[in-house]
N, C-alpha and C. Protein backbone atom coordinates (compact mmCIF):
# COMPACT_ATOMS: atom_id res chain seq x y z
N ILE A 1 7.91 -23.21 17.18
CA ILE A 1 8.88 -24.20 17.60
C ILE A 1 8.18 -25.16 18.53
N GLY A 2 8.25 -26.40 18.20
CA GLY A 2 7.62 -27.42 19.03
C GLY A 2 7.29 -28.65 18.22
N ASP A 3 6.86 -29.68 18.90
CA ASP A 3 6.54 -30.93 18.24
C ASP A 3 5.28 -30.80 17.40
N ARG A 4 5.14 -31.72 16.45
CA ARG A 4 3.98 -31.70 15.57
C ARG A 4 2.71 -32.04 16.35
N GLN A 5 1.61 -31.44 15.90
CA GLN A 5 0.28 -31.73 16.45
C GLN A 5 0.18 -31.47 17.96
N THR A 6 0.85 -30.42 18.44
CA THR A 6 0.76 -30.10 19.86
C THR A 6 -0.09 -28.87 20.13
N GLY A 7 -0.66 -28.27 19.08
CA GLY A 7 -1.57 -27.15 19.28
C GLY A 7 -0.93 -25.78 19.20
N LYS A 8 0.18 -25.67 18.50
CA LYS A 8 0.85 -24.37 18.39
C LYS A 8 -0.03 -23.36 17.66
N THR A 9 -0.64 -23.78 16.56
CA THR A 9 -1.52 -22.87 15.81
C THR A 9 -2.74 -22.50 16.64
N ALA A 10 -3.29 -23.45 17.36
CA ALA A 10 -4.47 -23.18 18.19
C ALA A 10 -4.16 -22.14 19.27
N ILE A 11 -2.99 -22.24 19.87
CA ILE A 11 -2.59 -21.24 20.88
C ILE A 11 -2.44 -19.87 20.24
N ALA A 12 -1.85 -19.83 19.06
CA ALA A 12 -1.67 -18.55 18.36
C ALA A 12 -3.01 -17.92 18.01
N ILE A 13 -3.94 -18.73 17.52
CA ILE A 13 -5.27 -18.22 17.15
C ILE A 13 -6.01 -17.74 18.39
N ASP A 14 -5.92 -18.50 19.49
CA ASP A 14 -6.55 -18.06 20.74
C ASP A 14 -5.96 -16.75 21.23
N THR A 15 -4.66 -16.59 21.06
CA THR A 15 -4.01 -15.34 21.47
C THR A 15 -4.54 -14.17 20.67
N ILE A 16 -4.70 -14.38 19.36
CA ILE A 16 -5.25 -13.31 18.51
C ILE A 16 -6.68 -12.99 18.92
N ILE A 17 -7.48 -14.01 19.14
CA ILE A 17 -8.88 -13.80 19.52
C ILE A 17 -8.97 -13.05 20.85
N ASN A 18 -8.06 -13.36 21.77
CA ASN A 18 -8.10 -12.72 23.09
C ASN A 18 -7.63 -11.28 23.09
N GLN A 19 -7.17 -10.78 21.97
CA GLN A 19 -6.81 -9.36 21.87
C GLN A 19 -8.06 -8.49 21.67
N ARG A 20 -9.21 -9.13 21.54
CA ARG A 20 -10.46 -8.41 21.30
C ARG A 20 -10.77 -7.40 22.41
N GLU A 21 -10.48 -7.75 23.64
CA GLU A 21 -10.79 -6.83 24.75
C GLU A 21 -10.02 -5.52 24.62
N PHE A 22 -8.80 -5.57 24.11
CA PHE A 22 -8.04 -4.34 23.88
C PHE A 22 -8.66 -3.53 22.74
N TYR A 23 -9.14 -4.24 21.72
CA TYR A 23 -9.79 -3.58 20.58
C TYR A 23 -11.05 -2.87 21.04
N GLU A 24 -11.84 -3.55 21.85
CA GLU A 24 -13.10 -2.95 22.32
C GLU A 24 -12.85 -1.80 23.29
N ALA A 25 -11.72 -1.81 23.98
CA ALA A 25 -11.38 -0.73 24.91
C ALA A 25 -10.79 0.48 24.20
N GLY A 26 -10.61 0.37 22.89
CA GLY A 26 -10.07 1.49 22.12
C GLY A 26 -8.56 1.53 22.03
N ASN A 27 -7.90 0.48 22.49
CA ASN A 27 -6.44 0.40 22.43
C ASN A 27 -6.05 -0.92 21.76
N PRO A 28 -6.32 -1.05 20.46
CA PRO A 28 -6.16 -2.35 19.81
C PRO A 28 -4.70 -2.80 19.68
N VAL A 29 -4.52 -4.10 19.78
CA VAL A 29 -3.25 -4.74 19.42
C VAL A 29 -3.48 -5.29 18.03
N TYR A 30 -2.79 -4.73 17.06
CA TYR A 30 -2.96 -5.18 15.68
C TYR A 30 -2.24 -6.50 15.49
N CYS A 31 -2.95 -7.49 14.98
CA CYS A 31 -2.42 -8.84 14.85
C CYS A 31 -2.15 -9.15 13.38
N ILE A 32 -1.06 -9.84 13.13
CA ILE A 32 -0.70 -10.25 11.78
C ILE A 32 -0.45 -11.75 11.84
N TYR A 33 -1.21 -12.49 11.06
CA TYR A 33 -1.06 -13.94 10.98
C TYR A 33 -0.44 -14.27 9.63
N VAL A 34 0.77 -14.83 9.63
CA VAL A 34 1.47 -15.17 8.40
C VAL A 34 1.44 -16.68 8.24
N ALA A 35 0.71 -17.15 7.23
CA ALA A 35 0.62 -18.58 6.93
C ALA A 35 1.57 -18.88 5.78
N CYS A 36 2.60 -19.62 6.06
CA CYS A 36 3.62 -19.92 5.05
C CYS A 36 3.61 -21.42 4.76
N GLY A 37 3.26 -21.76 3.52
CA GLY A 37 3.27 -23.16 3.11
C GLY A 37 2.13 -23.99 3.65
N GLN A 38 1.08 -23.35 4.15
CA GLN A 38 -0.09 -24.08 4.67
C GLN A 38 -1.03 -24.43 3.52
N LYS A 39 -1.88 -25.41 3.76
CA LYS A 39 -2.91 -25.73 2.77
C LYS A 39 -3.93 -24.60 2.73
N ASN A 40 -4.53 -24.40 1.56
CA ASN A 40 -5.56 -23.36 1.42
C ASN A 40 -6.71 -23.59 2.39
N SER A 41 -7.08 -24.86 2.58
CA SER A 41 -8.20 -25.16 3.47
C SER A 41 -7.86 -24.81 4.92
N THR A 42 -6.61 -24.98 5.30
CA THR A 42 -6.18 -24.63 6.66
C THR A 42 -6.25 -23.13 6.88
N VAL A 43 -5.77 -22.36 5.90
CA VAL A 43 -5.82 -20.90 6.00
C VAL A 43 -7.27 -20.43 6.03
N ALA A 44 -8.12 -21.05 5.21
CA ALA A 44 -9.54 -20.69 5.19
C ALA A 44 -10.20 -20.98 6.54
N GLN A 45 -9.83 -22.10 7.17
CA GLN A 45 -10.39 -22.44 8.47
C GLN A 45 -9.95 -21.43 9.54
N VAL A 46 -8.69 -21.02 9.49
CA VAL A 46 -8.20 -20.01 10.43
C VAL A 46 -8.95 -18.70 10.23
N ALA A 47 -9.12 -18.29 8.97
CA ALA A 47 -9.84 -17.05 8.68
C ALA A 47 -11.28 -17.13 9.16
N LYS A 48 -11.90 -18.28 8.97
CA LYS A 48 -13.29 -18.47 9.41
C LYS A 48 -13.38 -18.36 10.94
N THR A 49 -12.44 -18.99 11.63
CA THR A 49 -12.43 -18.93 13.09
C THR A 49 -12.26 -17.49 13.58
N LEU A 50 -11.33 -16.77 12.96
CA LEU A 50 -11.12 -15.38 13.35
C LEU A 50 -12.35 -14.52 13.06
N GLN A 51 -13.00 -14.79 11.93
CA GLN A 51 -14.21 -14.02 11.58
C GLN A 51 -15.34 -14.30 12.55
N GLU A 52 -15.51 -15.57 12.94
CA GLU A 52 -16.58 -15.93 13.87
C GLU A 52 -16.43 -15.23 15.22
N HIS A 53 -15.20 -14.96 15.61
CA HIS A 53 -14.94 -14.30 16.89
C HIS A 53 -14.73 -12.80 16.76
N GLY A 54 -14.94 -12.26 15.57
CA GLY A 54 -14.81 -10.82 15.36
C GLY A 54 -13.38 -10.32 15.40
N ALA A 55 -12.42 -11.21 15.19
CA ALA A 55 -11.01 -10.83 15.29
C ALA A 55 -10.46 -10.25 14.00
N LEU A 56 -11.17 -10.36 12.90
CA LEU A 56 -10.67 -9.82 11.64
C LEU A 56 -10.71 -8.30 11.61
N ASP A 57 -11.38 -7.69 12.59
CA ASP A 57 -11.41 -6.23 12.67
C ASP A 57 -10.03 -5.64 12.94
N TYR A 58 -9.17 -6.42 13.59
CA TYR A 58 -7.84 -5.94 13.96
C TYR A 58 -6.73 -6.91 13.53
N THR A 59 -7.05 -7.80 12.59
CA THR A 59 -6.09 -8.82 12.16
C THR A 59 -5.86 -8.75 10.66
N ILE A 60 -4.60 -8.92 10.27
CA ILE A 60 -4.20 -9.04 8.87
C ILE A 60 -3.75 -10.48 8.66
N ILE A 61 -4.20 -11.09 7.58
CA ILE A 61 -3.75 -12.43 7.23
C ILE A 61 -2.89 -12.34 5.98
N VAL A 62 -1.65 -12.80 6.10
CA VAL A 62 -0.73 -12.89 4.96
C VAL A 62 -0.59 -14.37 4.67
N ALA A 63 -1.00 -14.79 3.48
CA ALA A 63 -1.00 -16.22 3.17
C ALA A 63 -0.21 -16.51 1.91
N ALA A 64 0.73 -17.43 2.03
CA ALA A 64 1.44 -18.01 0.90
C ALA A 64 1.25 -19.51 1.04
N SER A 65 0.27 -20.04 0.33
CA SER A 65 -0.12 -21.43 0.52
C SER A 65 0.90 -22.38 -0.09
N ALA A 66 0.71 -23.66 0.19
CA ALA A 66 1.62 -24.69 -0.31
C ALA A 66 1.62 -24.74 -1.83
N SER A 67 0.53 -24.30 -2.46
CA SER A 67 0.46 -24.34 -3.92
C SER A 67 1.09 -23.11 -4.57
N ASP A 68 1.50 -22.12 -3.77
CA ASP A 68 2.14 -20.92 -4.31
C ASP A 68 3.61 -21.20 -4.61
N PRO A 69 4.20 -20.41 -5.50
CA PRO A 69 5.62 -20.61 -5.83
C PRO A 69 6.53 -20.42 -4.61
N ALA A 70 7.67 -21.09 -4.64
CA ALA A 70 8.61 -21.04 -3.52
C ALA A 70 9.05 -19.61 -3.17
N PRO A 71 9.32 -18.74 -4.16
CA PRO A 71 9.71 -17.37 -3.77
C PRO A 71 8.63 -16.64 -2.96
N LEU A 72 7.36 -16.89 -3.29
CA LEU A 72 6.28 -16.25 -2.54
C LEU A 72 6.25 -16.77 -1.10
N GLN A 73 6.45 -18.07 -0.93
CA GLN A 73 6.50 -18.65 0.41
C GLN A 73 7.70 -18.13 1.19
N PHE A 74 8.79 -17.88 0.48
CA PHE A 74 9.99 -17.37 1.14
C PHE A 74 9.79 -15.94 1.63
N TYR A 75 9.15 -15.11 0.82
CA TYR A 75 9.01 -13.69 1.15
C TYR A 75 7.81 -13.36 2.04
N ALA A 76 6.86 -14.25 2.20
CA ALA A 76 5.67 -13.96 3.00
C ALA A 76 6.01 -13.53 4.44
N PRO A 77 6.92 -14.23 5.14
CA PRO A 77 7.25 -13.77 6.50
C PRO A 77 7.88 -12.38 6.53
N PHE A 78 8.64 -12.04 5.50
CA PHE A 78 9.23 -10.70 5.45
C PHE A 78 8.15 -9.64 5.25
N ALA A 79 7.14 -9.96 4.44
CA ALA A 79 6.03 -9.02 4.24
C ALA A 79 5.27 -8.81 5.56
N GLY A 80 5.02 -9.90 6.28
CA GLY A 80 4.35 -9.79 7.57
C GLY A 80 5.16 -8.99 8.57
N ALA A 81 6.48 -9.21 8.58
CA ALA A 81 7.35 -8.46 9.49
C ALA A 81 7.34 -6.97 9.15
N ALA A 82 7.31 -6.65 7.86
CA ALA A 82 7.27 -5.24 7.45
C ALA A 82 5.98 -4.58 7.94
N MET A 83 4.87 -5.31 7.89
CA MET A 83 3.61 -4.76 8.39
C MET A 83 3.69 -4.53 9.90
N GLY A 84 4.27 -5.49 10.61
CA GLY A 84 4.44 -5.33 12.04
C GLY A 84 5.34 -4.15 12.39
N GLU A 85 6.39 -3.95 11.59
CA GLU A 85 7.28 -2.81 11.80
C GLU A 85 6.56 -1.49 11.56
N PHE A 86 5.63 -1.48 10.61
CA PHE A 86 4.84 -0.26 10.38
C PHE A 86 4.07 0.12 11.63
N PHE A 87 3.39 -0.86 12.22
CA PHE A 87 2.62 -0.57 13.43
C PHE A 87 3.55 -0.12 14.56
N ARG A 88 4.69 -0.80 14.70
CA ARG A 88 5.66 -0.41 15.72
C ARG A 88 6.14 1.02 15.50
N ASP A 89 6.48 1.34 14.27
CA ASP A 89 7.02 2.67 13.96
C ASP A 89 6.00 3.78 14.16
N THR A 90 4.72 3.46 14.07
CA THR A 90 3.68 4.46 14.28
C THR A 90 3.16 4.44 15.72
N GLY A 91 3.86 3.71 16.60
CA GLY A 91 3.52 3.72 18.01
C GLY A 91 2.33 2.87 18.40
N ARG A 92 1.97 1.92 17.56
CA ARG A 92 0.83 1.05 17.87
C ARG A 92 1.34 -0.36 18.17
N PRO A 93 0.76 -1.01 19.17
CA PRO A 93 1.22 -2.36 19.50
C PRO A 93 0.80 -3.36 18.43
N ALA A 94 1.65 -4.36 18.21
CA ALA A 94 1.37 -5.37 17.19
C ALA A 94 1.80 -6.74 17.70
N LEU A 95 1.09 -7.74 17.22
CA LEU A 95 1.41 -9.14 17.49
C LEU A 95 1.52 -9.82 16.15
N ILE A 96 2.63 -10.54 15.92
CA ILE A 96 2.78 -11.25 14.66
C ILE A 96 2.98 -12.73 14.93
N VAL A 97 2.27 -13.55 14.17
CA VAL A 97 2.34 -15.00 14.30
C VAL A 97 2.84 -15.55 12.98
N PHE A 98 3.95 -16.29 13.02
CA PHE A 98 4.48 -16.95 11.82
C PHE A 98 4.12 -18.43 11.91
N ASP A 99 3.39 -18.91 10.92
CA ASP A 99 2.93 -20.30 10.92
C ASP A 99 3.11 -20.86 9.51
N ASP A 100 4.12 -21.42 9.15
CA ASP A 100 5.09 -22.22 9.83
C ASP A 100 6.44 -21.92 9.19
N LEU A 101 7.40 -21.49 9.97
CA LEU A 101 8.68 -21.05 9.41
C LEU A 101 9.53 -22.19 8.88
N SER A 102 9.26 -23.42 9.30
CA SER A 102 10.03 -24.53 8.72
C SER A 102 9.70 -24.69 7.24
N LYS A 103 8.48 -24.36 6.85
CA LYS A 103 8.13 -24.42 5.43
C LYS A 103 8.77 -23.27 4.66
N GLN A 104 9.02 -22.15 5.33
CA GLN A 104 9.76 -21.07 4.69
C GLN A 104 11.20 -21.50 4.44
N ALA A 105 11.78 -22.26 5.35
CA ALA A 105 13.14 -22.76 5.17
C ALA A 105 13.22 -23.72 3.98
N VAL A 106 12.19 -24.54 3.81
CA VAL A 106 12.14 -25.44 2.65
C VAL A 106 12.08 -24.62 1.36
N ALA A 107 11.26 -23.57 1.36
CA ALA A 107 11.17 -22.71 0.18
C ALA A 107 12.50 -22.02 -0.09
N TYR A 108 13.19 -21.61 0.96
CA TYR A 108 14.50 -20.97 0.80
C TYR A 108 15.50 -21.94 0.16
N ARG A 109 15.50 -23.19 0.63
CA ARG A 109 16.39 -24.18 0.03
C ARG A 109 16.07 -24.38 -1.44
N GLU A 110 14.77 -24.44 -1.76
CA GLU A 110 14.35 -24.63 -3.15
C GLU A 110 14.82 -23.47 -4.03
N VAL A 111 14.63 -22.25 -3.56
CA VAL A 111 15.06 -21.08 -4.32
C VAL A 111 16.57 -21.07 -4.48
N SER A 112 17.29 -21.40 -3.41
CA SER A 112 18.75 -21.43 -3.47
C SER A 112 19.25 -22.44 -4.49
N LEU A 113 18.63 -23.61 -4.51
CA LEU A 113 19.06 -24.63 -5.46
C LEU A 113 18.73 -24.24 -6.89
N LEU A 114 17.59 -23.56 -7.09
CA LEU A 114 17.26 -23.09 -8.44
C LEU A 114 18.26 -22.04 -8.92
N LEU A 115 18.78 -21.25 -8.00
CA LEU A 115 19.76 -20.22 -8.35
C LEU A 115 21.18 -20.77 -8.39
N ARG A 116 21.31 -22.06 -8.14
CA ARG A 116 22.61 -22.74 -8.11
C ARG A 116 23.55 -22.14 -7.05
N ARG A 117 22.96 -21.80 -5.92
CA ARG A 117 23.73 -21.32 -4.78
C ARG A 117 23.43 -22.25 -3.61
N PRO A 118 24.43 -22.83 -3.03
CA PRO A 118 24.15 -23.76 -1.92
C PRO A 118 23.54 -23.03 -0.72
N PRO A 119 22.46 -23.55 -0.18
CA PRO A 119 21.85 -22.89 0.99
C PRO A 119 22.76 -23.02 2.21
N GLY A 120 22.73 -22.02 3.05
CA GLY A 120 23.55 -22.03 4.26
C GLY A 120 22.84 -22.71 5.41
N ARG A 121 23.42 -22.57 6.59
CA ARG A 121 22.84 -23.20 7.79
C ARG A 121 21.46 -22.66 8.12
N GLU A 122 21.19 -21.40 7.73
CA GLU A 122 19.89 -20.80 8.05
C GLU A 122 18.73 -21.52 7.36
N ALA A 123 19.04 -22.35 6.36
CA ALA A 123 17.99 -23.08 5.65
C ALA A 123 17.64 -24.39 6.34
N TYR A 124 18.30 -24.69 7.44
CA TYR A 124 18.06 -25.93 8.16
C TYR A 124 17.78 -25.63 9.63
N PRO A 125 16.54 -25.23 9.93
CA PRO A 125 16.24 -24.87 11.33
C PRO A 125 16.27 -26.08 12.24
N GLY A 126 16.56 -25.84 13.48
CA GLY A 126 16.49 -26.89 14.49
C GLY A 126 17.76 -27.56 14.81
């Protein structure tokens, strides 16, 4: 949530990278990065940044790019949340980053219109 081009993704990536000290101390915070409706090149850049900082050892990337079908973009955040719930249920700390849920809302509207069901208020964030 925030204005465009204000560094929301950069803050999220920095937060994931900064969990490294917990990983090295033997008490990792498992991170889940959910990219919904992002360009493939953007997701690849995020993955490269995480790899350069050694953060992929404790990070899962769930990606439904802009070129993927709308149902996949709609369900990607739910898949990421299920992974986070697994870590929670097994007593391990987890951090989940959703980037960008407004694109998930667009996918939801698209799926709703294809099914000939009018989307509700939840399809219009903000």
